[in-house]
Amino acid sequence: MPGRAGAATTLFTNSISTGVILAGVIQGAIAQSWGHFAVYWVIAVISVVALFLTAKVKDV
């Protein structure tokens, strides 16, 4: 977001707060439904997807 530092900072800060809240709820639901170790498998899949997506980002 070139030229919009305030908006970028606000978006980043709000994303962290929202992520922390949602992570706890989603982690609890997964652990309750499929067990504790399923949480680690889900996060492994999300990490691999994130790795591939970051490889596709063009340098600015």
N, C-alpha and C. Protein backbone atom coordinates (compact mmCIF):
# COMPACT_ATOMS: atom_id res chain seq x y z
N MET A 1 0.83 -1.17 0.00
CA MET A 1 0.00 0.00 0.00
C MET A 1 0.88 1.25 0.00
N PRO A 2 1.58 1.50 -1.08
CA PRO A 2 2.45 2.67 -1.14
C PRO A 2 1.67 3.97 -0.93
N GLY A 3 2.20 4.84 -0.10
CA GLY A 3 1.57 6.13 0.13
C GLY A 3 0.44 6.10 1.15
N ARG A 4 0.15 4.94 1.70
CA ARG A 4 -0.94 4.81 2.67
C ARG A 4 -0.43 4.07 3.90
N ALA A 5 0.58 4.63 4.52
CA ALA A 5 1.22 3.97 5.66
C ALA A 5 0.25 3.78 6.82
N GLY A 6 -0.61 4.74 7.07
CA GLY A 6 -1.57 4.63 8.17
C GLY A 6 -2.55 3.50 7.96
N ALA A 7 -3.05 3.38 6.74
CA ALA A 7 -4.01 2.31 6.43
C ALA A 7 -3.33 0.95 6.51
N ALA A 8 -2.10 0.86 6.05
CA ALA A 8 -1.37 -0.41 6.10
C ALA A 8 -1.10 -0.83 7.54
N THR A 9 -0.73 0.12 8.39
CA THR A 9 -0.47 -0.18 9.79
C THR A 9 -1.74 -0.64 10.49
N THR A 10 -2.84 0.04 10.24
CA THR A 10 -4.12 -0.34 10.84
C THR A 10 -4.55 -1.72 10.39
N LEU A 11 -4.41 -2.00 9.11
CA LEU A 11 -4.78 -3.32 8.59
C LEU A 11 -3.92 -4.41 9.23
N PHE A 12 -2.63 -4.18 9.34
CA PHE A 12 -1.72 -5.15 9.95
C PHE A 12 -2.08 -5.40 11.41
N THR A 13 -2.30 -4.34 12.17
CA THR A 13 -2.62 -4.46 13.59
C THR A 13 -3.95 -5.19 13.80
N ASN A 14 -4.96 -4.84 13.03
CA ASN A 14 -6.26 -5.50 13.16
C ASN A 14 -6.20 -6.96 12.72
N SER A 15 -5.37 -7.27 11.75
CA SER A 15 -5.22 -8.66 11.30
C SER A 15 -4.62 -9.53 12.39
N ILE A 16 -3.67 -8.99 13.13
CA ILE A 16 -3.06 -9.76 14.22
C ILE A 16 -4.10 -10.07 15.29
N SER A 17 -4.85 -9.06 15.71
CA SER A 17 -5.87 -9.26 16.75
C SER A 17 -6.94 -10.25 16.31
N THR A 18 -7.41 -10.10 15.10
CA THR A 18 -8.43 -11.01 14.58
C THR A 18 -7.88 -12.43 14.47
N GLY A 19 -6.65 -12.57 14.03
CA GLY A 19 -6.04 -13.89 13.91
C GLY A 19 -5.89 -14.60 15.24
N VAL A 20 -5.52 -13.86 16.27
CA VAL A 20 -5.36 -14.46 17.60
C VAL A 20 -6.71 -14.96 18.11
N ILE A 21 -7.75 -14.17 17.94
CA ILE A 21 -9.08 -14.57 18.40
C ILE A 21 -9.58 -15.78 17.63
N LEU A 22 -9.50 -15.74 16.31
CA LEU A 22 -10.00 -16.85 15.50
C LEU A 22 -9.17 -18.12 15.68
N ALA A 23 -7.88 -17.98 15.88
CA ALA A 23 -7.02 -19.16 16.04
C ALA A 23 -7.43 -19.99 17.25
N GLY A 24 -7.73 -19.34 18.35
CA GLY A 24 -8.14 -20.07 19.54
C GLY A 24 -9.44 -20.82 19.35
N VAL A 25 -10.40 -20.17 18.71
CA VAL A 25 -11.70 -20.80 18.46
C VAL A 25 -11.55 -21.98 17.50
N ILE A 26 -10.84 -21.77 16.41
CA ILE A 26 -10.67 -22.83 15.41
C ILE A 26 -9.85 -23.98 15.97
N GLN A 27 -8.80 -23.67 16.70
CA GLN A 27 -7.97 -24.72 17.31
C GLN A 27 -8.80 -25.56 18.28
N GLY A 28 -9.61 -24.92 19.09
CA GLY A 28 -10.46 -25.66 20.03
C GLY A 28 -11.46 -26.55 19.33
N ALA A 29 -12.05 -26.05 18.25
CA ALA A 29 -13.03 -26.85 17.51
C ALA A 29 -12.38 -28.07 16.86
N ILE A 30 -11.20 -27.87 16.28
CA ILE A 30 -10.49 -28.99 15.64
C ILE A 30 -10.08 -30.02 16.68
N ALA A 31 -9.52 -29.56 17.80
CA ALA A 31 -9.07 -30.48 18.84
C ALA A 31 -10.23 -31.25 19.45
N GLN A 32 -11.36 -30.59 19.61
CA GLN A 32 -12.51 -31.28 20.18
C GLN A 32 -13.12 -32.28 19.21
N SER A 33 -13.08 -31.97 17.93
CA SER A 33 -13.69 -32.86 16.93
C SER A 33 -12.78 -34.03 16.55
N TRP A 34 -11.48 -33.75 16.32
CA TRP A 34 -10.60 -34.79 15.79
C TRP A 34 -9.40 -35.11 16.66
N GLY A 35 -9.26 -34.45 17.78
CA GLY A 35 -8.15 -34.74 18.68
C GLY A 35 -7.05 -33.70 18.60
N HIS A 36 -6.19 -33.76 19.59
CA HIS A 36 -5.13 -32.77 19.75
C HIS A 36 -4.15 -32.75 18.58
N PHE A 37 -3.76 -33.90 18.09
CA PHE A 37 -2.74 -33.95 17.04
C PHE A 37 -3.26 -33.48 15.68
N ALA A 38 -4.57 -33.46 15.50
CA ALA A 38 -5.13 -32.95 14.24
C ALA A 38 -4.82 -31.47 14.06
N VAL A 39 -4.70 -30.75 15.15
CA VAL A 39 -4.36 -29.32 15.08
C VAL A 39 -3.01 -29.14 14.39
N TYR A 40 -2.06 -30.00 14.71
CA TYR A 40 -0.73 -29.89 14.11
C TYR A 40 -0.75 -30.25 12.63
N TRP A 41 -1.56 -31.22 12.23
CA TRP A 41 -1.68 -31.56 10.82
C TRP A 41 -2.31 -30.42 10.03
N VAL A 42 -3.32 -29.80 10.60
CA VAL A 42 -3.97 -28.68 9.92
C VAL A 42 -2.99 -27.52 9.76
N ILE A 43 -2.25 -27.20 10.81
CA ILE A 43 -1.30 -26.09 10.71
C ILE A 43 -0.16 -26.42 9.75
N ALA A 44 0.20 -27.69 9.63
CA ALA A 44 1.23 -28.08 8.66
C ALA A 44 0.75 -27.84 7.24
N VAL A 45 -0.49 -28.19 6.97
CA VAL A 45 -1.06 -27.96 5.63
C VAL A 45 -1.14 -26.47 5.34
N ILE A 46 -1.60 -25.69 6.31
CA ILE A 46 -1.68 -24.24 6.12
C ILE A 46 -0.29 -23.66 5.87
N SER A 47 0.71 -24.15 6.56
CA SER A 47 2.08 -23.66 6.38
C SER A 47 2.63 -23.97 5.00
N VAL A 48 2.35 -25.15 4.49
CA VAL A 48 2.82 -25.52 3.15
C VAL A 48 2.13 -24.66 2.09
N VAL A 49 0.83 -24.44 2.25
CA VAL A 49 0.10 -23.58 1.32
C VAL A 49 0.66 -22.16 1.36
N ALA A 50 0.92 -21.65 2.56
CA ALA A 50 1.50 -20.30 2.70
C ALA A 50 2.88 -20.22 2.05
N LEU A 51 3.66 -21.27 2.17
CA LEU A 51 4.98 -21.30 1.55
C LEU A 51 4.88 -21.18 0.03
N PHE A 52 3.97 -21.93 -0.57
CA PHE A 52 3.80 -21.86 -2.02
C PHE A 52 3.25 -20.50 -2.45
N LEU A 53 2.34 -19.93 -1.66
CA LEU A 53 1.79 -18.63 -2.02
C LEU A 53 2.84 -17.52 -1.93
N THR A 54 3.70 -17.58 -0.93
CA THR A 54 4.74 -16.55 -0.83
C THR A 54 5.78 -16.68 -1.95
N ALA A 55 5.94 -17.87 -2.48
CA ALA A 55 6.86 -18.04 -3.60
C ALA A 55 6.31 -17.39 -4.87
N LYS A 56 5.00 -17.22 -4.94
CA LYS A 56 4.36 -16.63 -6.12
C LYS A 56 4.30 -15.11 -6.08
N VAL A 57 4.61 -14.49 -4.94
CA VAL A 57 4.52 -13.04 -4.80
C VAL A 57 5.66 -12.38 -5.57
N LYS A 58 5.31 -11.38 -6.35
CA LYS A 58 6.33 -10.65 -7.11
C LYS A 58 7.00 -9.62 -6.22
N ASP A 59 8.28 -9.40 -6.45
CA ASP A 59 9.00 -8.35 -5.72
C ASP A 59 8.50 -7.00 -6.19
N VAL A 60 8.41 -6.06 -5.25
CA VAL A 60 7.91 -4.72 -5.59
C VAL A 60 9.07 -3.77 -5.65
